[in-house]
């Protein structure tokens, strides 16, 4: 099963449905696991950031394997430090 906590920090941003959020989190989890296995560094941490023109996705995995993700618009800078606090 999956547990999703979603919080909106900017008004006017369209919300995703719970089902869509679970699907995206599931896809990201699989890609993160594959990236960990393909990493040339022993114990590589998987995907930490995905940058596109329209958005940036930052990920932080705790030692207990809980993933925190932050999705921002493409112009946001210095958001990666917010995720790993």
PDB file of N, CA and C in Angstrom:
ATOM      1  N   UNK A   1       0.808  -1.172   0.000  1.00  0.00           N
ATOM      2  CA  UNK A   1       0.000   0.000   0.000  1.00  0.00           C
ATOM      3  C   UNK A   1       0.864   1.253   0.000  1.00  0.00           C
ATOM      4  N   UNK A   2       0.229   2.358  -0.170  1.00  0.00           N
ATOM      5  CA  UNK A   2       0.951   3.621  -0.203  1.00  0.00           C
ATOM      6  C   UNK A   2       0.274   4.648   0.680  1.00  0.00           C
ATOM      7  N   UNK A   3       1.065   5.520   1.235  1.00  0.00           N
ATOM      8  CA  UNK A   3       0.551   6.607   2.044  1.00  0.00           C
ATOM      9  C   UNK A   3       1.068   7.897   1.451  1.00  0.00           C
ATOM     10  N   UNK A   4       0.165   8.781   1.092  1.00  0.00           N
ATOM     11  CA  UNK A   4       0.529  10.048   0.469  1.00  0.00           C
ATOM     12  C   UNK A   4       0.023  11.182   1.349  1.00  0.00           C
ATOM     13  N   UNK A   5       0.907  12.089   1.704  1.00  0.00           N
ATOM     14  CA  UNK A   5       0.514  13.333   2.351  1.00  0.00           C
ATOM     15  C   UNK A   5       0.821  14.439   1.368  1.00  0.00           C
ATOM     16  N   UNK A   6      -0.185  15.220   1.043  1.00  0.00           N
ATOM     17  CA  UNK A   6      -0.049  16.247   0.026  1.00  0.00           C
ATOM     18  C   UNK A   6      -0.381  17.595   0.642  1.00  0.00           C
ATOM     19  N   UNK A   7       0.493  18.567   0.449  1.00  0.00           N
ATOM     20  CA  UNK A   7       0.236  19.910   0.954  1.00  0.00           C
ATOM     21  C   UNK A   7       0.538  20.919  -0.142  1.00  0.00           C
ATOM     22  N   UNK A   8      -0.381  21.849  -0.319  1.00  0.00           N
ATOM     23  CA  UNK A   8      -0.214  22.913  -1.302  1.00  0.00           C
ATOM     24  C   UNK A   8       0.431  24.115  -0.627  1.00  0.00           C
ATOM     25  N   UNK A   9       1.532  24.589  -1.200  1.00  0.00           N
ATOM     26  CA  UNK A   9       2.238  25.733  -0.641  1.00  0.00           C
ATOM     27  C   UNK A   9       2.017  27.010  -1.442  1.00  0.00           C
ATOM     28  N   UNK A  10       1.492  26.884  -2.644  1.00  0.00           N
ATOM     29  CA  UNK A  10       1.253  28.049  -3.500  1.00  0.00           C
ATOM     30  C   UNK A  10      -0.200  28.030  -3.961  1.00  0.00           C
ATOM     31  N   UNK A  11      -0.939  29.097  -3.696  1.00  0.00           N
ATOM     32  CA  UNK A  11      -2.338  29.124  -4.129  1.00  0.00           C
ATOM     33  C   UNK A  11      -2.445  29.181  -5.652  1.00  0.00           C
ATOM     34  N   UNK A  12      -3.515  28.579  -6.155  1.00  0.00           N
ATOM     35  CA  UNK A  12      -3.763  28.625  -7.589  1.00  0.00           C
ATOM     36  C   UNK A  12      -3.122  27.506  -8.384  1.00  0.00           C
ATOM     37  N   UNK A  13      -2.360  26.647  -7.722  1.00  0.00           N
ATOM     38  CA  UNK A  13      -1.734  25.519  -8.415  1.00  0.00           C
ATOM     39  C   UNK A  13      -2.759  24.392  -8.491  1.00  0.00           C
ATOM     40  N   UNK A  14      -2.993  23.839  -9.679  1.00  0.00           N
ATOM     41  CA  UNK A  14      -3.987  22.772  -9.783  1.00  0.00           C
ATOM     42  C   UNK A  14      -3.555  21.532  -8.989  1.00  0.00           C
ATOM     43  N   UNK A  15      -4.502  20.961  -8.255  1.00  0.00           N
ATOM     44  CA  UNK A  15      -4.224  19.761  -7.465  1.00  0.00           C
ATOM     45  C   UNK A  15      -4.397  18.514  -8.316  1.00  0.00           C
ATOM     46  N   UNK A  16      -3.596  17.507  -8.017  1.00  0.00           N
ATOM     47  CA  UNK A  16      -3.747  16.207  -8.657  1.00  0.00           C
ATOM     48  C   UNK A  16      -4.684  15.360  -7.815  1.00  0.00           C
ATOM     49  N   UNK A  17      -5.403  14.460  -8.451  1.00  0.00           N
ATOM     50  CA  UNK A  17      -6.262  13.556  -7.700  1.00  0.00           C
ATOM     51  C   UNK A  17      -5.395  12.595  -6.890  1.00  0.00           C
ATOM     52  N   UNK A  18      -5.986  11.998  -5.873  1.00  0.00           N
ATOM     53  CA  UNK A  18      -5.251  11.035  -5.039  1.00  0.00           C
ATOM     54  C   UNK A  18      -4.772   9.865  -5.879  1.00  0.00           C
ATOM     55  N   UNK A  19      -5.603   9.399  -6.793  1.00  0.00           N
ATOM     56  CA  UNK A  19      -5.241   8.277  -7.653  1.00  0.00           C
ATOM     57  C   UNK A  19      -4.050   8.631  -8.549  1.00  0.00           C
ATOM     58  N   UNK A  20      -4.064   9.822  -9.133  1.00  0.00           N
ATOM     59  CA  UNK A  20      -2.954  10.272  -9.977  1.00  0.00           C
ATOM     60  C   UNK A  20      -1.677  10.413  -9.157  1.00  0.00           C
ATOM     61  N   UNK A  21      -1.783  10.956  -7.953  1.00  0.00           N
ATOM     62  CA  UNK A  21      -0.617  11.098  -7.080  1.00  0.00           C
ATOM     63  C   UNK A  21      -0.018   9.737  -6.742  1.00  0.00           C
ATOM     64  N   UNK A  22      -0.859   8.752  -6.429  1.00  0.00           N
ATOM     65  CA  UNK A  22      -0.364   7.402  -6.136  1.00  0.00           C
ATOM     66  C   UNK A  22       0.322   6.776  -7.349  1.00  0.00           C
ATOM     67  N   UNK A  23      -0.250   6.990  -8.537  1.00  0.00           N
ATOM     68  CA  UNK A  23       0.367   6.461  -9.756  1.00  0.00           C
ATOM     69  C   UNK A  23       1.747   7.079  -9.982  1.00  0.00           C
ATOM     70  N   UNK A  24       1.833   8.407  -9.860  1.00  0.00           N
ATOM     71  CA  UNK A  24       3.121   9.083 -10.068  1.00  0.00           C
ATOM     72  C   UNK A  24       4.153   8.655  -9.030  1.00  0.00           C
ATOM     73  N   UNK A  25       3.723   8.523  -7.774  1.00  0.00           N
ATOM     74  CA  UNK A  25       4.646   8.082  -6.722  1.00  0.00           C
ATOM     75  C   UNK A  25       5.125   6.659  -6.982  1.00  0.00           C
ATOM     76  N   UNK A  26       4.252   5.810  -7.470  1.00  0.00           N
ATOM     77  CA  UNK A  26       4.619   4.428  -7.785  1.00  0.00           C
ATOM     78  C   UNK A  26       5.640   4.372  -8.915  1.00  0.00           C
ATOM     79  N   UNK A  27       5.418   5.168  -9.950  1.00  0.00           N
ATOM     80  CA  UNK A  27       6.358   5.219 -11.074  1.00  0.00           C
ATOM     81  C   UNK A  27       7.705   5.746 -10.607  1.00  0.00           C
ATOM     82  N   UNK A  28       7.680   6.808  -9.793  1.00  0.00           N
ATOM     83  CA  UNK A  28       8.932   7.380  -9.305  1.00  0.00           C
ATOM     84  C   UNK A  28       9.673   6.382  -8.420  1.00  0.00           C
ATOM     85  N   UNK A  29       8.949   5.656  -7.574  1.00  0.00           N
ATOM     86  CA  UNK A  29       9.585   4.659  -6.698  1.00  0.00           C
ATOM     87  C   UNK A  29      10.319   3.603  -7.530  1.00  0.00           C
ATOM     88  N   UNK A  30       9.688   3.136  -8.595  1.00  0.00           N
ATOM     89  CA  UNK A  30      10.321   2.126  -9.454  1.00  0.00           C
ATOM     90  C   UNK A  30      11.568   2.693 -10.137  1.00  0.00           C
ATOM     91  N   UNK A  31      11.476   3.915 -10.649  1.00  0.00           N
ATOM     92  CA  UNK A  31      12.637   4.536 -11.301  1.00  0.00           C
ATOM     93  C   UNK A  31      13.770   4.781 -10.301  1.00  0.00           C
ATOM     94  N   UNK A  32      13.419   5.167  -9.094  1.00  0.00           N
ATOM     95  CA  UNK A  32      14.408   5.404  -8.039  1.00  0.00           C
ATOM     96  C   UNK A  32      15.142   4.105  -7.713  1.00  0.00           C
ATOM     97  N   UNK A  33      14.397   3.002  -7.590  1.00  0.00           N
ATOM     98  CA  UNK A  33      15.005   1.705  -7.286  1.00  0.00           C
ATOM     99  C   UNK A  33      15.927   1.241  -8.413  1.00  0.00           C
ATOM    100  N   UNK A  34      15.525   1.448  -9.649  1.00  0.00           N
ATOM    101  CA  UNK A  34      16.367   1.070 -10.792  1.00  0.00           C
ATOM    102  C   UNK A  34      17.643   1.914 -10.805  1.00  0.00           C
ATOM    103  N   UNK A  35      17.508   3.219 -10.543  1.00  0.00           N
ATOM    104  CA  UNK A  35      18.682   4.108 -10.511  1.00  0.00           C
ATOM    105  C   UNK A  35      19.656   3.692  -9.421  1.00  0.00           C
ATOM    106  N   UNK A  36      19.158   3.234  -8.275  1.00  0.00           N
ATOM    107  CA  UNK A  36      20.041   2.762  -7.206  1.00  0.00           C
ATOM    108  C   UNK A  36      20.842   1.553  -7.666  1.00  0.00           C
ATOM    109  N   UNK A  37      20.190   0.641  -8.379  1.00  0.00           N
ATOM    110  CA  UNK A  37      20.862  -0.571  -8.841  1.00  0.00           C
ATOM    111  C   UNK A  37      21.868  -0.291  -9.947  1.00  0.00           C
ATOM    112  N   UNK A  38      21.598   0.712 -10.787  1.00  0.00           N
ATOM    113  CA  UNK A  38      22.481   1.032 -11.906  1.00  0.00           C
ATOM    114  C   UNK A  38      23.600   2.005 -11.531  1.00  0.00           C
ATOM    115  N   UNK A  39      23.547   2.544 -10.337  1.00  0.00           N
ATOM    116  CA  UNK A  39      24.532   3.536  -9.913  1.00  0.00           C
ATOM    117  C   UNK A  39      25.943   2.952  -9.927  1.00  0.00           C
ATOM    118  N   UNK A  40      26.912   3.674 -10.512  1.00  0.00           N
ATOM    119  CA  UNK A  40      28.293   3.187 -10.509  1.00  0.00           C
ATOM    120  C   UNK A  40      28.945   3.323  -9.130  1.00  0.00           C
ATOM    121  N   UNK A  41      28.305   4.050  -8.235  1.00  0.00           N
ATOM    122  CA  UNK A  41      28.825   4.243  -6.885  1.00  0.00           C
ATOM    123  C   UNK A  41      28.173   3.218  -5.966  1.00  0.00           C
ATOM    124  N   UNK A  42      28.971   2.487  -5.205  1.00  0.00           N
ATOM    125  CA  UNK A  42      28.434   1.511  -4.276  1.00  0.00           C
ATOM    126  C   UNK A  42      27.554   2.215  -3.251  1.00  0.00           C
ATOM    127  N   UNK A  43      26.336   1.729  -3.088  1.00  0.00           N
ATOM    128  CA  UNK A  43      25.402   2.360  -2.158  1.00  0.00           C
ATOM    129  C   UNK A  43      24.822   3.650  -2.674  1.00  0.00           C
ATOM    130  N   UNK A  44      24.778   3.817  -3.997  1.00  0.00           N
ATOM    131  CA  UNK A  44      24.235   5.035  -4.599  1.00  0.00           C
ATOM    132  C   UNK A  44      22.813   5.281  -4.140  1.00  0.00           C
ATOM    133  N   UNK A  45      22.447   6.548  -4.021  1.00  0.00           N
ATOM    134  CA  UNK A  45      21.167   6.913  -3.434  1.00  0.00           C
ATOM    135  C   UNK A  45      20.009   7.009  -4.391  1.00  0.00           C
ATOM    136  N   UNK A  46      20.184   6.707  -5.658  1.00  0.00           N
ATOM    137  CA  UNK A  46      19.074   6.812  -6.596  1.00  0.00           C
ATOM    138  C   UNK A  46      18.892   8.238  -7.086  1.00  0.00           C
ATOM    139  N   UNK A  47      17.686   8.538  -7.520  1.00  0.00           N
ATOM    140  CA  UNK A  47      17.374   9.849  -8.096  1.00  0.00           C
ATOM    141  C   UNK A  47      17.201  10.873  -6.981  1.00  0.00           C
ATOM    142  N   UNK A  48      17.905  11.983  -7.095  1.00  0.00           N
ATOM    143  CA  UNK A  48      17.762  13.072  -6.127  1.00  0.00           C
ATOM    144  C   UNK A  48      17.023  14.258  -6.730  1.00  0.00           C
ATOM    145  N   UNK A  49      17.137  14.458  -8.048  1.00  0.00           N
ATOM    146  CA  UNK A  49      16.493  15.596  -8.681  1.00  0.00           C
ATOM    147  C   UNK A  49      16.203  15.283 -10.145  1.00  0.00           C
ATOM    148  N   UNK A  50      15.026  15.681 -10.593  1.00  0.00           N
ATOM    149  CA  UNK A  50      14.659  15.628 -12.007  1.00  0.00           C
ATOM    150  C   UNK A  50      14.302  17.054 -12.404  1.00  0.00           C
ATOM    151  N   UNK A  51      14.986  17.583 -13.408  1.00  0.00           N
ATOM    152  CA  UNK A  51      14.733  18.951 -13.855  1.00  0.00           C
ATOM    153  C   UNK A  51      14.193  18.943 -15.285  1.00  0.00           C
ATOM    154  N   UNK A  52      13.103  19.671 -15.488  1.00  0.00           N
ATOM    155  CA  UNK A  52      12.516  19.855 -16.812  1.00  0.00           C
ATOM    156  C   UNK A  52      12.225  21.346 -16.981  1.00  0.00           C
ATOM    157  N   UNK A  53      11.759  21.740 -18.147  1.00  0.00           N
ATOM    158  CA  UNK A  53      11.444  23.145 -18.381  1.00  0.00           C
ATOM    159  C   UNK A  53      10.321  23.639 -17.478  1.00  0.00           C
ATOM    160  N   UNK A  54       9.312  22.812 -17.279  1.00  0.00           N
ATOM    161  CA  UNK A  54       8.111  23.236 -16.553  1.00  0.00           C
ATOM    162  C   UNK A  54       8.125  22.920 -15.061  1.00  0.00           C
ATOM    163  N   UNK A  55       8.988  22.006 -14.609  1.00  0.00           N
ATOM    164  CA  UNK A  55       8.987  21.633 -13.199  1.00  0.00           C
ATOM    165  C   UNK A  55      10.348  21.085 -12.774  1.00  0.00           C
ATOM    166  N   UNK A  56      10.534  21.014 -11.459  1.00  0.00           N
ATOM    167  CA  UNK A  56      11.678  20.325 -10.855  1.00  0.00           C
ATOM    168  C   UNK A  56      11.127  19.420  -9.770  1.00  0.00           C
ATOM    169  N   UNK A  57      11.641  18.204  -9.684  1.00  0.00           N
ATOM    170  CA  UNK A  57      11.230  17.263  -8.663  1.00  0.00           C
ATOM    171  C   UNK A  57      12.461  16.916  -7.839  1.00  0.00           C
ATOM    172  N   UNK A  58      12.379  17.169  -6.544  1.00  0.00           N
ATOM    173  CA  UNK A  58      13.467  16.863  -5.630  1.00  0.00           C
ATOM    174  C   UNK A  58      13.031  15.705  -4.744  1.00  0.00           C
ATOM    175  N   UNK A  59      13.958  14.799  -4.447  1.00  0.00           N
ATOM    176  CA  UNK A  59      13.642  13.625  -3.650  1.00  0.00           C
ATOM    177  C   UNK A  59      14.685  13.431  -2.557  1.00  0.00           C
ATOM    178  N   UNK A  60      14.217  13.042  -1.395  1.00  0.00           N
ATOM    179  CA  UNK A  60      15.112  12.705  -0.287  1.00  0.00           C
ATOM    180  C   UNK A  60      14.595  11.429   0.353  1.00  0.00           C
ATOM    181  N   UNK A  61      15.469  10.435   0.493  1.00  0.00           N
ATOM    182  CA  UNK A  61      15.086   9.179   1.132  1.00  0.00           C
ATOM    183  C   UNK A  61      15.751   9.098   2.493  1.00  0.00           C
ATOM    184  N   UNK A  62      14.949   8.885   3.533  1.00  0.00           N
ATOM    185  CA  UNK A  62      15.469   8.787   4.895  1.00  0.00           C
ATOM    186  C   UNK A  62      16.140   7.428   5.094  1.00  0.00           C
ATOM    187  N   UNK A  63      16.904   7.272   6.169  1.00  0.00           N
ATOM    188  CA  UNK A  63      17.513   5.954   6.453  1.00  0.00           C
ATOM    189  C   UNK A  63      16.484   4.844   6.651  1.00  0.00           C
ATOM    190  N   UNK A  64      15.244   5.201   6.951  1.00  0.00           N
ATOM    191  CA  UNK A  64      14.190   4.196   7.112  1.00  0.00           C
ATOM    192  C   UNK A  64      13.384   3.996   5.825  1.00  0.00           C
ATOM    193  N   UNK A  65      13.891   4.493   4.700  1.00  0.00           N
ATOM    194  CA  UNK A  65      13.330   4.305   3.350  1.00  0.00           C
ATOM    195  C   UNK A  65      12.034   5.074   3.100  1.00  0.00           C
ATOM    196  N   UNK A  66      11.777   6.112   3.864  1.00  0.00           N
ATOM    197  CA  UNK A  66      10.645   6.992   3.575  1.00  0.00           C
ATOM    198  C   UNK A  66      11.131   8.048   2.582  1.00  0.00           C
ATOM    199  N   UNK A  67      10.360   8.265   1.515  1.00  0.00           N
ATOM    200  CA  UNK A  67      10.751   9.248   0.500  1.00  0.00           C
ATOM    201  C   UNK A  67       9.928  10.525   0.661  1.00  0.00           C
ATOM    202  N   UNK A  68      10.625  11.646   0.663  1.00  0.00           N
ATOM    203  CA  UNK A  68       9.986  12.954   0.637  1.00  0.00           C
ATOM    204  C   UNK A  68      10.245  13.548  -0.733  1.00  0.00           C
ATOM    205  N   UNK A  69       9.194  14.065  -1.359  1.00  0.00           N
ATOM    206  CA  UNK A  69       9.347  14.661  -2.680  1.00  0.00           C
ATOM    207  C   UNK A  69       8.786  16.075  -2.663  1.00  0.00           C
ATOM    208  N   UNK A  70       9.474  16.952  -3.357  1.00  0.00           N
ATOM    209  CA  UNK A  70       9.049  18.332  -3.510  1.00  0.00           C
ATOM    210  C   UNK A  70       9.011  18.632  -4.998  1.00  0.00           C
ATOM    211  N   UNK A  71       7.867  19.109  -5.479  1.00  0.00           N
ATOM    212  CA  UNK A  71       7.719  19.462  -6.889  1.00  0.00           C
ATOM    213  C   UNK A  71       7.533  20.968  -6.965  1.00  0.00           C
ATOM    214  N   UNK A  72       8.379  21.633  -7.757  1.00  0.00           N
ATOM    215  CA  UNK A  72       8.326  23.081  -7.908  1.00  0.00           C
ATOM    216  C   UNK A  72       8.194  23.440  -9.384  1.00  0.00           C
ATOM    217  N   UNK A  73       7.953  24.714  -9.661  1.00  0.00           N
ATOM    218  CA  UNK A  73       7.955  25.146 -11.056  1.00  0.00           C
ATOM    219  C   UNK A  73       9.404  25.185 -11.558  1.00  0.00           C
ATOM    220  N   UNK A  74       9.570  25.348 -12.844  1.00  0.00           N
ATOM    221  CA  UNK A  74      10.899  25.290 -13.447  1.00  0.00           C
ATOM    222  C   UNK A  74      11.823  26.425 -13.069  1.00  0.00           C
ATOM    223  N   UNK A  75      11.288  27.543 -12.585  1.00  0.00           N
ATOM    224  CA  UNK A  75      12.116  28.703 -12.260  1.00  0.00           C
ATOM    225  C   UNK A  75      12.593  28.714 -10.808  1.00  0.00           C
ATOM    226  N   UNK A  76      12.077  27.851  -9.963  1.00  0.00           N
ATOM    227  CA  UNK A  76      12.462  27.840  -8.554  1.00  0.00           C
ATOM    228  C   UNK A  76      13.913  27.392  -8.410  1.00  0.00           C
ATOM    229  N   UNK A  77      14.656  28.123  -7.596  1.00  0.00           N
ATOM    230  CA  UNK A  77      16.056  27.743  -7.361  1.00  0.00           C
ATOM    231  C   UNK A  77      16.257  27.468  -5.879  1.00  0.00           C
ATOM    232  N   UNK A  78      17.290  26.722  -5.580  1.00  0.00           N
ATOM    233  CA  UNK A  78      17.705  26.402  -4.206  1.00  0.00           C
ATOM    234  C   UNK A  78      16.627  25.662  -3.408  1.00  0.00           C
ATOM    235  N   UNK A  79      15.813  24.874  -4.058  1.00  0.00           N
ATOM    236  CA  UNK A  79      14.792  24.112  -3.331  1.00  0.00           C
ATOM    237  C   UNK A  79      15.334  22.776  -2.825  1.00  0.00           C
ATOM    238  N   UNK A  80      16.476  22.322  -3.361  1.00  0.00           N
ATOM    239  CA  UNK A  80      16.988  21.007  -2.956  1.00  0.00           C
ATOM    240  C   UNK A  80      17.347  20.963  -1.472  1.00  0.00           C
ATOM    241  N   UNK A  81      17.775  22.051  -0.880  1.00  0.00           N
ATOM    242  CA  UNK A  81      18.082  22.072   0.549  1.00  0.00           C
ATOM    243  C   UNK A  81      16.850  21.973   1.417  1.00  0.00           C
ATOM    244  N   UNK A  82      15.697  22.280   0.887  1.00  0.00           N
ATOM    245  CA  UNK A  82      14.447  22.202   1.654  1.00  0.00           C
ATOM    246  C   UNK A  82      14.013  20.765   1.890  1.00  0.00           C
ATOM    247  N   UNK A  83      14.343  19.878   0.978  1.00  0.00           N
ATOM    248  CA  UNK A  83      13.860  18.499   1.068  1.00  0.00           C
ATOM    249  C   UNK A  83      14.631  17.701   2.109  1.00  0.00           C
ATOM    250  N   UNK A  84      15.919  17.907   2.235  1.00  0.00           N
ATOM    251  CA  UNK A  84      16.709  17.053   3.122  1.00  0.00           C
ATOM    252  C   UNK A  84      16.876  17.603   4.529  1.00  0.00           C
ATOM    253  N   UNK A  85      15.989  18.441   4.956  1.00  0.00           N
ATOM    254  CA  UNK A  85      16.022  18.943   6.337  1.00  0.00           C
ATOM    255  C   UNK A  85      15.330  18.028   7.290  1.00  0.00           C
TER     256      UNK A  85
END
